[in-house]
C-alpha cells in the first residue's frame, strides 16, 4: 500500500470535513458495511469472537478481526482477554459505543419501516 501524503489537498479537505461536519466524524468511526452491524450485535451484551462470527455469518474472519481492532482503537468497544489457554476474549461496548446505540436503533427502526413500505415514494 502506498503512503498517503499528509499535506495533499485531499487530506486537507478530509480534515476540514472532519472538523466541520459531525456526520463526517461519525462516519469516520462507524462507516462501512460491517461496523454498525458489529455494534448492533454487541448492543445485546458481551460477545466472544466466535459468537460474533456466528451472529454475522457473511463477514470474513479477516474483516471481522480488522473491524474489531478499529472499533477498539476508536474506543467504541473494549476487548477483555483472560490469560488462559485456550485464549478467552470477550468484546463489549465502551461508554462511547453505548452512546451510538440511539443511532443504531434509529437505523434499525428506519429499516423496518422502509421494508414495510411505511415511507411513501413521493
PDB file of N, CA and C in Angstrom:
ATOM      1  N   UNK A   1       0.840  -1.168   0.000  1.00  0.00           N
ATOM      2  CA  UNK A   1       0.000   0.000   0.000  1.00  0.00           C
ATOM      3  C   UNK A   1       0.891   1.239   0.000  1.00  0.00           C
ATOM      4  N   UNK A   2       0.551   2.229  -0.792  1.00  0.00           N
ATOM      5  CA  UNK A   2       1.378   3.423  -0.872  1.00  0.00           C
ATOM      6  C   UNK A   2       1.061   4.373   0.271  1.00  0.00           C
ATOM      7  N   UNK A   3       2.062   5.136   0.643  1.00  0.00           N
ATOM      8  CA  UNK A   3       1.890   6.108   1.729  1.00  0.00           C
ATOM      9  C   UNK A   3       1.051   7.278   1.240  1.00  0.00           C
ATOM     10  N   UNK A   4       0.267   7.827   2.150  1.00  0.00           N
ATOM     11  CA  UNK A   4      -0.571   8.976   1.820  1.00  0.00           C
ATOM     12  C   UNK A   4       0.178  10.244   2.213  1.00  0.00           C
ATOM     13  N   UNK A   5       0.265  11.145   1.276  1.00  0.00           N
ATOM     14  CA  UNK A   5       0.939  12.408   1.535  1.00  0.00           C
ATOM     15  C   UNK A   5       0.028  13.247   2.438  1.00  0.00           C
ATOM     16  N   UNK A   6       0.504  13.530   3.654  1.00  0.00           N
ATOM     17  CA  UNK A   6      -0.329  14.208   4.647  1.00  0.00           C
ATOM     18  C   UNK A   6      -0.669  15.639   4.281  1.00  0.00           C
ATOM     19  N   UNK A   7       0.102  16.264   3.399  1.00  0.00           N
ATOM     20  CA  UNK A   7      -0.156  17.653   3.041  1.00  0.00           C
ATOM     21  C   UNK A   7      -0.945  17.773   1.739  1.00  0.00           C
ATOM     22  N   UNK A   8      -1.486  16.676   1.254  1.00  0.00           N
ATOM     23  CA  UNK A   8      -2.223  16.724  -0.002  1.00  0.00           C
ATOM     24  C   UNK A   8      -3.546  17.462   0.173  1.00  0.00           C
ATOM     25  N   UNK A   9      -4.063  17.956  -0.926  1.00  0.00           N
ATOM     26  CA  UNK A   9      -5.341  18.671  -0.913  1.00  0.00           C
ATOM     27  C   UNK A   9      -6.460  17.765  -0.437  1.00  0.00           C
ATOM     28  N   UNK A  10      -6.425  16.520  -0.848  1.00  0.00           N
ATOM     29  CA  UNK A  10      -7.461  15.572  -0.429  1.00  0.00           C
ATOM     30  C   UNK A  10      -7.447  15.421   1.088  1.00  0.00           C
ATOM     31  N   UNK A  11      -6.251  15.299   1.671  1.00  0.00           N
ATOM     32  CA  UNK A  11      -6.157  15.157   3.128  1.00  0.00           C
ATOM     33  C   UNK A  11      -6.602  16.431   3.838  1.00  0.00           C
ATOM     34  N   UNK A  12      -6.288  17.587   3.275  1.00  0.00           N
ATOM     35  CA  UNK A  12      -6.753  18.858   3.852  1.00  0.00           C
ATOM     36  C   UNK A  12      -8.272  18.933   3.804  1.00  0.00           C
ATOM     37  N   UNK A  13      -8.862  18.545   2.672  1.00  0.00           N
ATOM     38  CA  UNK A  13     -10.318  18.557   2.537  1.00  0.00           C
ATOM     39  C   UNK A  13     -10.973  17.584   3.510  1.00  0.00           C
ATOM     40  N   UNK A  14     -10.364  16.415   3.663  1.00  0.00           N
ATOM     41  CA  UNK A  14     -10.899  15.420   4.592  1.00  0.00           C
ATOM     42  C   UNK A  14     -10.834  15.944   6.019  1.00  0.00           C
ATOM     43  N   UNK A  15      -9.719  16.555   6.391  1.00  0.00           N
ATOM     44  CA  UNK A  15      -9.586  17.104   7.735  1.00  0.00           C
ATOM     45  C   UNK A  15     -10.591  18.239   7.956  1.00  0.00           C
ATOM     46  N   UNK A  16     -10.798  19.072   6.945  1.00  0.00           N
ATOM     47  CA  UNK A  16     -11.784  20.152   7.051  1.00  0.00           C
ATOM     48  C   UNK A  16     -13.177  19.573   7.285  1.00  0.00           C
ATOM     49  N   UNK A  17     -13.521  18.532   6.536  1.00  0.00           N
ATOM     50  CA  UNK A  17     -14.834  17.895   6.703  1.00  0.00           C
ATOM     51  C   UNK A  17     -14.965  17.298   8.102  1.00  0.00           C
ATOM     52  N   UNK A  18     -13.905  16.663   8.588  1.00  0.00           N
ATOM     53  CA  UNK A  18     -13.938  16.087   9.934  1.00  0.00           C
ATOM     54  C   UNK A  18     -14.132  17.168  10.993  1.00  0.00           C
ATOM     55  N   UNK A  19     -13.478  18.314  10.794  1.00  0.00           N
ATOM     56  CA  UNK A  19     -13.566  19.407  11.763  1.00  0.00           C
ATOM     57  C   UNK A  19     -14.916  20.110  11.716  1.00  0.00           C
ATOM     58  N   UNK A  20     -15.532  20.173  10.548  1.00  0.00           N
ATOM     59  CA  UNK A  20     -16.732  20.980  10.362  1.00  0.00           C
ATOM     60  C   UNK A  20     -18.044  20.210  10.395  1.00  0.00           C
ATOM     61  N   UNK A  21     -18.003  18.932  10.137  1.00  0.00           N
ATOM     62  CA  UNK A  21     -19.242  18.168   9.970  1.00  0.00           C
ATOM     63  C   UNK A  21     -19.299  17.005  10.956  1.00  0.00           C
ATOM     64  N   UNK A  22     -20.243  17.050  11.897  1.00  0.00           N
ATOM     65  CA  UNK A  22     -20.333  15.954  12.860  1.00  0.00           C
ATOM     66  C   UNK A  22     -20.686  14.607  12.227  1.00  0.00           C
ATOM     67  N   UNK A  23     -21.426  14.622  11.131  1.00  0.00           N
ATOM     68  CA  UNK A  23     -21.770  13.366  10.462  1.00  0.00           C
ATOM     69  C   UNK A  23     -20.513  12.729   9.873  1.00  0.00           C
ATOM     70  N   UNK A  24     -19.611  13.550   9.359  1.00  0.00           N
ATOM     71  CA  UNK A  24     -18.349  13.036   8.838  1.00  0.00           C
ATOM     72  C   UNK A  24     -17.566  12.353   9.948  1.00  0.00           C
ATOM     73  N   UNK A  25     -17.573  12.952  11.135  1.00  0.00           N
ATOM     74  CA  UNK A  25     -16.872  12.347  12.280  1.00  0.00           C
ATOM     75  C   UNK A  25     -17.460  10.971  12.609  1.00  0.00           C
ATOM     76  N   UNK A  26     -18.789  10.869  12.633  1.00  0.00           N
ATOM     77  CA  UNK A  26     -19.438   9.589  12.923  1.00  0.00           C
ATOM     78  C   UNK A  26     -19.086   8.572  11.848  1.00  0.00           C
ATOM     79  N   UNK A  27     -19.158   8.972  10.593  1.00  0.00           N
ATOM     80  CA  UNK A  27     -18.869   8.045   9.505  1.00  0.00           C
ATOM     81  C   UNK A  27     -17.408   7.605   9.515  1.00  0.00           C
ATOM     82  N   UNK A  28     -16.512   8.457   9.984  1.00  0.00           N
ATOM     83  CA  UNK A  28     -15.104   8.084  10.109  1.00  0.00           C
ATOM     84  C   UNK A  28     -14.954   6.952  11.129  1.00  0.00           C
ATOM     85  N   UNK A  29     -15.794   6.950  12.152  1.00  0.00           N
ATOM     86  CA  UNK A  29     -15.710   5.944  13.215  1.00  0.00           C
ATOM     87  C   UNK A  29     -16.478   4.668  12.877  1.00  0.00           C
ATOM     88  N   UNK A  30     -17.690   4.792  12.318  1.00  0.00           N
ATOM     89  CA  UNK A  30     -18.517   3.601  12.110  1.00  0.00           C
ATOM     90  C   UNK A  30     -18.879   3.381  10.649  1.00  0.00           C
ATOM     91  N   UNK A  31     -18.221   4.108   9.745  1.00  0.00           N
ATOM     92  CA  UNK A  31     -18.533   3.981   8.331  1.00  0.00           C
ATOM     93  C   UNK A  31     -18.235   2.596   7.798  1.00  0.00           C
ATOM     94  N   UNK A  32     -18.832   2.303   6.700  1.00  0.00           N
ATOM     95  CA  UNK A  32     -18.651   0.997   6.097  1.00  0.00           C
ATOM     96  C   UNK A  32     -19.838   0.099   6.387  1.00  0.00           C
ATOM     97  N   UNK A  33     -19.768  -1.076   5.864  1.00  0.00           N
ATOM     98  CA  UNK A  33     -20.903  -2.000   5.943  1.00  0.00           C
ATOM     99  C   UNK A  33     -20.980  -2.727   7.274  1.00  0.00           C
ATOM    100  N   UNK A  34     -19.852  -3.170   7.823  1.00  0.00           N
ATOM    101  CA  UNK A  34     -19.866  -4.108   8.940  1.00  0.00           C
ATOM    102  C   UNK A  34     -19.859  -3.490  10.325  1.00  0.00           C
ATOM    103  N   UNK A  35     -19.251  -2.327  10.501  1.00  0.00           N
ATOM    104  CA  UNK A  35     -19.112  -1.773  11.850  1.00  0.00           C
ATOM    105  C   UNK A  35     -20.455  -1.534  12.549  1.00  0.00           C
ATOM    106  N   UNK A  36     -21.438  -0.921  11.884  1.00  0.00           N
ATOM    107  CA  UNK A  36     -22.725  -0.766  12.577  1.00  0.00           C
ATOM    108  C   UNK A  36     -23.367  -2.109  12.939  1.00  0.00           C
ATOM    109  N   UNK A  37     -23.145  -3.124  12.118  1.00  0.00           N
ATOM    110  CA  UNK A  37     -23.702  -4.445  12.394  1.00  0.00           C
ATOM    111  C   UNK A  37     -23.023  -5.054  13.616  1.00  0.00           C
ATOM    112  N   UNK A  38     -21.715  -4.894  13.723  1.00  0.00           N
ATOM    113  CA  UNK A  38     -20.981  -5.385  14.897  1.00  0.00           C
ATOM    114  C   UNK A  38     -21.485  -4.669  16.147  1.00  0.00           C
ATOM    115  N   UNK A  39     -21.629  -3.358  16.080  1.00  0.00           N
ATOM    116  CA  UNK A  39     -22.125  -2.579  17.222  1.00  0.00           C
ATOM    117  C   UNK A  39     -23.532  -3.029  17.595  1.00  0.00           C
ATOM    118  N   UNK A  40     -24.364  -3.271  16.598  1.00  0.00           N
ATOM    119  CA  UNK A  40     -25.736  -3.738  16.852  1.00  0.00           C
ATOM    120  C   UNK A  40     -25.723  -5.044  17.652  1.00  0.00           C
ATOM    121  N   UNK A  41     -24.892  -5.981  17.246  1.00  0.00           N
ATOM    122  CA  UNK A  41     -24.834  -7.267  17.951  1.00  0.00           C
ATOM    123  C   UNK A  41     -24.240  -7.135  19.345  1.00  0.00           C
ATOM    124  N   UNK A  42     -23.282  -6.238  19.520  1.00  0.00           N
ATOM    125  CA  UNK A  42     -22.725  -6.006  20.850  1.00  0.00           C
ATOM    126  C   UNK A  42     -23.702  -5.250  21.752  1.00  0.00           C
ATOM    127  N   UNK A  43     -24.706  -4.608  21.168  1.00  0.00           N
ATOM    128  CA  UNK A  43     -25.706  -3.911  21.984  1.00  0.00           C
ATOM    129  C   UNK A  43     -26.534  -4.900  22.795  1.00  0.00           C
ATOM    130  N   UNK A  44     -26.534  -6.143  22.385  1.00  0.00           N
ATOM    131  CA  UNK A  44     -27.279  -7.194  23.088  1.00  0.00           C
ATOM    132  C   UNK A  44     -26.495  -7.754  24.276  1.00  0.00           C
ATOM    133  N   UNK A  45     -25.226  -7.331  24.418  1.00  0.00           N
ATOM    134  CA  UNK A  45     -24.393  -7.807  25.526  1.00  0.00           C
ATOM    135  C   UNK A  45     -23.022  -8.242  25.049  1.00  0.00           C
ATOM    136  N   UNK A  46     -22.178  -8.584  26.004  1.00  0.00           N
ATOM    137  CA  UNK A  46     -20.819  -9.027  25.703  1.00  0.00           C
ATOM    138  C   UNK A  46     -20.855 -10.245  24.789  1.00  0.00           C
ATOM    139  N   UNK A  47     -19.889 -10.290  23.868  1.00  0.00           N
ATOM    140  CA  UNK A  47     -19.814 -11.418  22.941  1.00  0.00           C
ATOM    141  C   UNK A  47     -18.361 -11.830  22.762  1.00  0.00           C
ATOM    142  N   UNK A  48     -18.181 -13.129  22.626  1.00  0.00           N
ATOM    143  CA  UNK A  48     -16.878 -13.661  22.227  1.00  0.00           C
ATOM    144  C   UNK A  48     -16.766 -13.552  20.712  1.00  0.00           C
ATOM    145  N   UNK A  49     -15.546 -13.681  20.206  1.00  0.00           N
ATOM    146  CA  UNK A  49     -15.310 -13.607  18.765  1.00  0.00           C
ATOM    147  C   UNK A  49     -16.191 -14.616  18.024  1.00  0.00           C
ATOM    148  N   UNK A  50     -16.220 -15.844  18.519  1.00  0.00           N
ATOM    149  CA  UNK A  50     -16.986 -16.893  17.840  1.00  0.00           C
ATOM    150  C   UNK A  50     -18.475 -16.583  17.832  1.00  0.00           C
ATOM    151  N   UNK A  51     -18.980 -15.946  18.875  1.00  0.00           N
ATOM    152  CA  UNK A  51     -20.395 -15.561  18.916  1.00  0.00           C
ATOM    153  C   UNK A  51     -20.696 -14.483  17.876  1.00  0.00           C
ATOM    154  N   UNK A  52     -19.777 -13.537  17.731  1.00  0.00           N
ATOM    155  CA  UNK A  52     -19.958 -12.505  16.704  1.00  0.00           C
ATOM    156  C   UNK A  52     -19.911 -13.124  15.311  1.00  0.00           C
ATOM    157  N   UNK A  53     -18.982 -14.044  15.105  1.00  0.00           N
ATOM    158  CA  UNK A  53     -18.863 -14.694  13.799  1.00  0.00           C
ATOM    159  C   UNK A  53     -20.136 -15.466  13.466  1.00  0.00           C
ATOM    160  N   UNK A  54     -20.712 -16.146  14.447  1.00  0.00           N
ATOM    161  CA  UNK A  54     -21.970 -16.873  14.214  1.00  0.00           C
ATOM    162  C   UNK A  54     -23.126 -15.915  13.965  1.00  0.00           C
ATOM    163  N   UNK A  55     -23.121 -14.781  14.662  1.00  0.00           N
ATOM    164  CA  UNK A  55     -24.209 -13.810  14.509  1.00  0.00           C
ATOM    165  C   UNK A  55     -24.143 -13.090  13.160  1.00  0.00           C
ATOM    166  N   UNK A  56     -22.939 -12.998  12.594  1.00  0.00           N
ATOM    167  CA  UNK A  56     -22.740 -12.302  11.316  1.00  0.00           C
ATOM    168  C   UNK A  56     -22.031 -13.267  10.361  1.00  0.00           C
ATOM    169  N   UNK A  57     -22.707 -14.296   9.891  1.00  0.00           N
ATOM    170  CA  UNK A  57     -22.023 -15.343   9.122  1.00  0.00           C
ATOM    171  C   UNK A  57     -21.432 -14.871   7.793  1.00  0.00           C
ATOM    172  N   UNK A  58     -21.930 -13.793   7.215  1.00  0.00           N
ATOM    173  CA  UNK A  58     -21.433 -13.348   5.912  1.00  0.00           C
ATOM    174  C   UNK A  58     -20.094 -12.620   6.003  1.00  0.00           C
ATOM    175  N   UNK A  59     -19.688 -12.184   7.186  1.00  0.00           N
ATOM    176  CA  UNK A  59     -18.432 -11.452   7.334  1.00  0.00           C
ATOM    177  C   UNK A  59     -17.264 -12.439   7.340  1.00  0.00           C
ATOM    178  N   UNK A  60     -16.173 -12.058   6.687  1.00  0.00           N
ATOM    179  CA  UNK A  60     -14.999 -12.924   6.697  1.00  0.00           C
ATOM    180  C   UNK A  60     -14.253 -12.744   8.019  1.00  0.00           C
ATOM    181  N   UNK A  61     -13.461 -13.735   8.370  1.00  0.00           N
ATOM    182  CA  UNK A  61     -12.687 -13.647   9.613  1.00  0.00           C
ATOM    183  C   UNK A  61     -11.740 -12.453   9.576  1.00  0.00           C
ATOM    184  N   UNK A  62     -11.095 -12.244   8.443  1.00  0.00           N
ATOM    185  CA  UNK A  62     -10.146 -11.136   8.299  1.00  0.00           C
ATOM    186  C   UNK A  62     -10.833  -9.795   8.543  1.00  0.00           C
ATOM    187  N   UNK A  63     -11.979  -9.596   7.931  1.00  0.00           N
ATOM    188  CA  UNK A  63     -12.695  -8.320   8.069  1.00  0.00           C
ATOM    189  C   UNK A  63     -13.209  -8.147   9.493  1.00  0.00           C
ATOM    190  N   UNK A  64     -13.724  -9.212  10.093  1.00  0.00           N
ATOM    191  CA  UNK A  64     -14.202  -9.114  11.470  1.00  0.00           C
ATOM    192  C   UNK A  64     -13.053  -8.727  12.407  1.00  0.00           C
ATOM    193  N   UNK A  65     -11.907  -9.361  12.259  1.00  0.00           N
ATOM    194  CA  UNK A  65     -10.747  -9.032  13.093  1.00  0.00           C
ATOM    195  C   UNK A  65     -10.327  -7.580  12.875  1.00  0.00           C
ATOM    196  N   UNK A  66     -10.244  -7.152  11.603  1.00  0.00           N
ATOM    197  CA  UNK A  66      -9.850  -5.773  11.300  1.00  0.00           C
ATOM    198  C   UNK A  66     -10.807  -4.769  11.937  1.00  0.00           C
ATOM    199  N   UNK A  67     -12.099  -5.007  11.785  1.00  0.00           N
ATOM    200  CA  UNK A  67     -13.085  -4.053  12.305  1.00  0.00           C
ATOM    201  C   UNK A  67     -13.111  -4.045  13.833  1.00  0.00           C
ATOM    202  N   UNK A  68     -12.940  -5.202  14.443  1.00  0.00           N
ATOM    203  CA  UNK A  68     -12.876  -5.227  15.912  1.00  0.00           C
ATOM    204  C   UNK A  68     -11.676  -4.411  16.399  1.00  0.00           C
ATOM    205  N   UNK A  69     -10.536  -4.537  15.724  1.00  0.00           N
ATOM    206  CA  UNK A  69      -9.353  -3.758  16.098  1.00  0.00           C
ATOM    207  C   UNK A  69      -9.597  -2.266  15.894  1.00  0.00           C
ATOM    208  N   UNK A  70     -10.224  -1.900  14.783  1.00  0.00           N
ATOM    209  CA  UNK A  70     -10.501  -0.488  14.513  1.00  0.00           C
ATOM    210  C   UNK A  70     -11.488   0.084  15.531  1.00  0.00           C
ATOM    211  N   UNK A  71     -12.529  -0.670  15.837  1.00  0.00           N
ATOM    212  CA  UNK A  71     -13.500  -0.210  16.830  1.00  0.00           C
ATOM    213  C   UNK A  71     -12.848  -0.075  18.207  1.00  0.00           C
ATOM    214  N   UNK A  72     -11.935  -0.975  18.517  1.00  0.00           N
ATOM    215  CA  UNK A  72     -11.212  -0.886  19.791  1.00  0.00           C
ATOM    216  C   UNK A  72     -10.295   0.338  19.786  1.00  0.00           C
ATOM    217  N   UNK A  73      -9.578   0.568  18.697  1.00  0.00           N
ATOM    218  CA  UNK A  73      -8.698   1.735  18.597  1.00  0.00           C
ATOM    219  C   UNK A  73      -9.467   3.045  18.669  1.00  0.00           C
ATOM    220  N   UNK A  74     -10.700   3.045  18.196  1.00  0.00           N
ATOM    221  CA  UNK A  74     -11.551   4.239  18.250  1.00  0.00           C
ATOM    222  C   UNK A  74     -12.318   4.340  19.568  1.00  0.00           C
ATOM    223  N   UNK A  75     -11.993   3.452  20.514  1.00  0.00           N
ATOM    224  CA  UNK A  75     -12.608   3.442  21.852  1.00  0.00           C
ATOM    225  C   UNK A  75     -14.125   3.249  21.818  1.00  0.00           C
ATOM    226  N   UNK A  76     -14.598   2.473  20.854  1.00  0.00           N
ATOM    227  CA  UNK A  76     -16.026   2.172  20.775  1.00  0.00           C
ATOM    228  C   UNK A  76     -16.340   0.813  21.386  1.00  0.00           C
ATOM    229  N   UNK A  77     -15.345  -0.069  21.422  1.00  0.00           N
ATOM    230  CA  UNK A  77     -15.522  -1.356  22.085  1.00  0.00           C
ATOM    231  C   UNK A  77     -14.331  -1.609  23.003  1.00  0.00           C
ATOM    232  N   UNK A  78     -14.534  -2.512  23.941  1.00  0.00           N
ATOM    233  CA  UNK A  78     -13.484  -2.904  24.871  1.00  0.00           C
ATOM    234  C   UNK A  78     -13.238  -4.394  24.690  1.00  0.00           C
ATOM    235  N   UNK A  79     -11.977  -4.740  24.542  1.00  0.00           N
ATOM    236  CA  UNK A  79     -11.567  -6.141  24.387  1.00  0.00           C
ATOM    237  C   UNK A  79     -11.017  -6.601  25.729  1.00  0.00           C
ATOM    238  N   UNK A  80     -11.607  -7.639  26.255  1.00  0.00           N
ATOM    239  CA  UNK A  80     -11.183  -8.179  27.554  1.00  0.00           C
ATOM    240  C   UNK A  80     -10.658  -9.591  27.322  1.00  0.00           C
ATOM    241  N   UNK A  81      -9.352  -9.788  27.551  1.00  0.00           N
ATOM    242  CA  UNK A  81      -8.720 -11.093  27.339  1.00  0.00           C
ATOM    243  C   UNK A  81      -8.267 -11.649  28.674  1.00  0.00           C
ATOM    244  N   UNK A  82      -8.530 -12.940  28.877  1.00  0.00           N
ATOM    245  CA  UNK A  82      -8.044 -13.638  30.071  1.00  0.00           C
ATOM    246  C   UNK A  82      -6.810 -14.438  29.675  1.00  0.00           C
ATOM    247  N   UNK A  83      -5.760 -14.361  30.487  1.00  0.00           N
ATOM    248  CA  UNK A  83      -4.506 -15.056  30.143  1.00  0.00           C
ATOM    249  C   UNK A  83      -4.577 -16.556  30.447  1.00  0.00           C
ATOM    250  N   UNK A  84      -5.388 -17.258  29.668  1.00  0.00           N
ATOM    251  CA  UNK A  84      -5.511 -18.705  29.843  1.00  0.00           C
ATOM    252  C   UNK A  84      -5.345 -19.377  28.486  1.00  0.00           C
ATOM    253  N   UNK A  85      -5.186 -20.677  28.515  1.00  0.00           N
ATOM    254  CA  UNK A  85      -5.103 -21.463  27.281  1.00  0.00           C
ATOM    255  C   UNK A  85      -6.281 -22.410  27.273  1.00  0.00           C
ATOM    256  N   UNK A  86      -7.097 -22.422  26.251  1.00  0.00           N
ATOM    257  CA  UNK A  86      -7.083 -21.550  25.077  1.00  0.00           C
ATOM    258  C   UNK A  86      -7.510 -20.126  25.450  1.00  0.00           C
ATOM    259  N   UNK A  87      -7.169 -19.148  24.601  1.00  0.00           N
ATOM    260  CA  UNK A  87      -7.487 -17.758  24.904  1.00  0.00           C
ATOM    261  C   UNK A  87      -8.990 -17.546  25.100  1.00  0.00           C
ATOM    262  N   UNK A  88      -9.326 -16.670  26.025  1.00  0.00           N
ATOM    263  CA  UNK A  88     -10.720 -16.321  26.288  1.00  0.00           C
ATOM    264  C   UNK A  88     -10.828 -14.810  26.141  1.00  0.00           C
ATOM    265  N   UNK A  89     -11.473 -14.379  25.063  1.00  0.00           N
ATOM    266  CA  UNK A  89     -11.587 -12.953  24.764  1.00  0.00           C
ATOM    267  C   UNK A  89     -13.057 -12.606  24.609  1.00  0.00           C
ATOM    268  N   UNK A  90     -13.466 -11.519  25.248  1.00  0.00           N
ATOM    269  CA  UNK A  90     -14.826 -11.001  25.104  1.00  0.00           C
ATOM    270  C   UNK A  90     -14.759  -9.559  24.650  1.00  0.00           C
ATOM    271  N   UNK A  91     -15.762  -9.165  23.893  1.00  0.00           N
ATOM    272  CA  UNK A  91     -15.885  -7.788  23.421  1.00  0.00           C
ATOM    273  C   UNK A  91     -17.166  -7.204  23.999  1.00  0.00           C
ATOM    274  N   UNK A  92     -17.083  -5.918  24.354  1.00  0.00           N
ATOM    275  CA  UNK A  92     -18.266  -5.217  24.826  1.00  0.00           C
ATOM    276  C   UNK A  92     -18.182  -3.767  24.388  1.00  0.00           C
ATOM    277  N   UNK A  93     -19.310  -3.107  24.395  1.00  0.00           N
ATOM    278  CA  UNK A  93     -19.330  -1.696  24.022  1.00  0.00           C
ATOM    279  C   UNK A  93     -18.739  -0.852  25.146  1.00  0.00           C
ATOM    280  N   UNK A  94     -17.961   0.143  24.780  1.00  0.00           N
ATOM    281  CA  UNK A  94     -17.480   1.129  25.743  1.00  0.00           C
ATOM    282  C   UNK A  94     -18.615   2.138  25.968  1.00  0.00           C
ATOM    283  N   UNK A  95     -18.395   3.093  26.840  1.00  0.00           N
ATOM    284  CA  UNK A  95     -19.403   4.138  27.032  1.00  0.00           C
ATOM    285  C   UNK A  95     -19.643   4.908  25.741  1.00  0.00           C
ATOM    286  N   UNK A  96     -18.569   5.181  24.993  1.00  0.00           N
ATOM    287  CA  UNK A  96     -18.724   5.862  23.702  1.00  0.00           C
ATOM    288  C   UNK A  96     -19.520   4.992  22.726  1.00  0.00           C
ATOM    289  N   UNK A  97     -19.250   3.695  22.733  1.00  0.00           N
ATOM    290  CA  UNK A  97     -20.002   2.776  21.874  1.00  0.00           C
ATOM    291  C   UNK A  97     -21.473   2.722  22.262  1.00  0.00           C
ATOM    292  N   UNK A  98     -21.741   2.713  23.572  1.00  0.00           N
ATOM    293  CA  UNK A  98     -23.131   2.732  24.042  1.00  0.00           C
ATOM    294  C   UNK A  98     -23.825   4.025  23.634  1.00  0.00           C
ATOM    295  N   UNK A  99     -23.054   5.107  23.546  1.00  0.00           N
ATOM    296  CA  UNK A  99     -23.624   6.378  23.098  1.00  0.00           C
ATOM    297  C   UNK A  99     -24.120   6.335  21.670  1.00  0.00           C
ATOM    298  N   UNK A 100     -23.620   5.389  20.881  1.00  0.00           N
ATOM    299  CA  UNK A 100     -24.070   5.226  19.491  1.00  0.00           C
ATOM    300  C   UNK A 100     -25.354   4.408  19.379  1.00  0.00           C
ATOM    301  N   UNK A 101     -25.800   3.788  20.455  1.00  0.00           N
ATOM    302  CA  UNK A 101     -26.969   2.914  20.365  1.00  0.00           C
ATOM    303  C   UNK A 101     -28.226   3.619  19.858  1.00  0.00           C
ATOM    304  N   UNK A 102     -28.511   4.859  20.269  1.00  0.00           N
ATOM    305  CA  UNK A 102     -29.688   5.519  19.675  1.00  0.00           C
ATOM    306  C   UNK A 102     -29.580   5.661  18.151  1.00  0.00           C
ATOM    307  N   UNK A 103     -28.367   5.865  17.651  1.00  0.00           N
ATOM    308  CA  UNK A 103     -28.158   5.962  16.198  1.00  0.00           C
ATOM    309  C   UNK A 103     -28.422   4.609  15.547  1.00  0.00           C
ATOM    310  N   UNK A 104     -27.861   3.554  16.116  1.00  0.00           N
ATOM    311  CA  UNK A 104     -28.036   2.201  15.572  1.00  0.00           C
ATOM    312  C   UNK A 104     -29.505   1.784  15.645  1.00  0.00           C
ATOM    313  N   UNK A 105     -30.165   2.089  16.772  1.00  0.00           N
ATOM    314  CA  UNK A 105     -31.589   1.760  16.928  1.00  0.00           C
ATOM    315  C   UNK A 105     -32.438   2.539  15.938  1.00  0.00           C
ATOM    316  N   UNK A 106     -32.085   3.805  15.677  1.00  0.00           N
ATOM    317  CA  UNK A 106     -32.821   4.600  14.687  1.00  0.00           C
ATOM    318  C   UNK A 106     -32.639   4.010  13.288  1.00  0.00           C
ATOM    319  N   UNK A 107     -31.426   3.539  12.987  1.00  0.00           N
ATOM    320  CA  UNK A 107     -31.188   2.890  11.694  1.00  0.00           C
ATOM    321  C   UNK A 107     -32.059   1.645  11.563  1.00  0.00           C
ATOM    322  N   UNK A 108     -32.127   0.842  12.631  1.00  0.00           N
ATOM    323  CA  UNK A 108     -32.933  -0.379  12.599  1.00  0.00           C
ATOM    324  C   UNK A 108     -34.418  -0.044  12.449  1.00  0.00           C
ATOM    325  N   UNK A 109     -34.892   0.961  13.172  1.00  0.00           N
ATOM    326  CA  UNK A 109     -36.304   1.359  13.079  1.00  0.00           C
ATOM    327  C   UNK A 109     -36.624   1.857  11.676  1.00  0.00           C
ATOM    328  N   UNK A 110     -35.730   2.646  11.099  1.00  0.00           N
ATOM    329  CA  UNK A 110     -35.950   3.141   9.743  1.00  0.00           C
ATOM    330  C   UNK A 110     -35.999   1.972   8.762  1.00  0.00           C
ATOM    331  N   UNK A 111     -35.097   1.003   8.929  1.00  0.00           N
ATOM    332  CA  UNK A 111     -35.062  -0.150   8.020  1.00  0.00           C
ATOM    333  C   UNK A 111     -36.362  -0.937   8.090  1.00  0.00           C
ATOM    334  N   UNK A 112     -36.856  -1.164   9.302  1.00  0.00           N
ATOM    335  CA  UNK A 112     -38.111  -1.914   9.462  1.00  0.00           C
ATOM    336  C   UNK A 112     -39.261  -1.169   8.795  1.00  0.00           C
ATOM    337  N   UNK A 113     -39.343   0.139   9.058  1.00  0.00           N
ATOM    338  CA  UNK A 113     -40.413   0.944   8.447  1.00  0.00           C
ATOM    339  C   UNK A 113     -40.276   0.968   6.926  1.00  0.00           C
ATOM    340  N   UNK A 114     -39.063   1.097   6.427  1.00  0.00           N
ATOM    341  CA  UNK A 114     -38.840   1.146   4.996  1.00  0.00           C
ATOM    342  C   UNK A 114     -39.184  -0.182   4.330  1.00  0.00           C
ATOM    343  N   UNK A 115     -38.831  -1.292   4.977  1.00  0.00           N
ATOM    344  CA  UNK A 115     -39.139  -2.609   4.414  1.00  0.00           C
ATOM    345  C   UNK A 115     -40.638  -2.866   4.412  1.00  0.00           C
ATOM    346  N   UNK A 116     -41.344  -2.267   5.358  1.00  0.00           N
ATOM    347  CA  UNK A 116     -42.797  -2.444   5.418  1.00  0.00           C
ATOM    348  C   UNK A 116     -43.537  -1.428   4.555  1.00  0.00           C
ATOM    349  N   UNK A 117     -42.804  -0.573   3.843  1.00  0.00           N
ATOM    350  CA  UNK A 117     -43.431   0.398   2.945  1.00  0.00           C
ATOM    351  C   UNK A 117     -44.083   1.568   3.659  1.00  0.00           C
ATOM    352  N   UNK A 118     -43.658   1.876   4.876  1.00  0.00           N
ATOM    353  CA  UNK A 118     -44.263   2.975   5.633  1.00  0.00           C
ATOM    354  C   UNK A 118     -44.001   4.316   4.958  1.00  0.00           C
ATOM    355  N   UNK A 119     -42.813   4.495   4.399  1.00  0.00           N
ATOM    356  CA  UNK A 119     -42.471   5.757   3.753  1.00  0.00           C
ATOM    357  C   UNK A 119     -43.010   5.757   2.338  1.00  0.00           C
ATOM    358  N   UNK A 120     -43.689   6.850   1.977  1.00  0.00           N
ATOM    359  CA  UNK A 120     -44.205   6.907   0.605  1.00  0.00           C
ATOM    360  C   UNK A 120     -43.083   7.246  -0.355  1.00  0.00           C
ATOM    361  N   UNK A 121     -43.256   6.923  -1.556  1.00  0.00           N
ATOM    362  CA  UNK A 121     -42.209   7.065  -2.576  1.00  0.00           C
ATOM    363  C   UNK A 121     -42.144   8.477  -3.143  1.00  0.00           C
ATOM    364  N   UNK A 122     -43.041   9.348  -2.767  1.00  0.00           N
ATOM    365  CA  UNK A 122     -43.114  10.689  -3.339  1.00  0.00           C
ATOM    366  C   UNK A 122     -42.176  11.599  -2.748  1.00  0.00           C
TER     367      UNK A 122
END
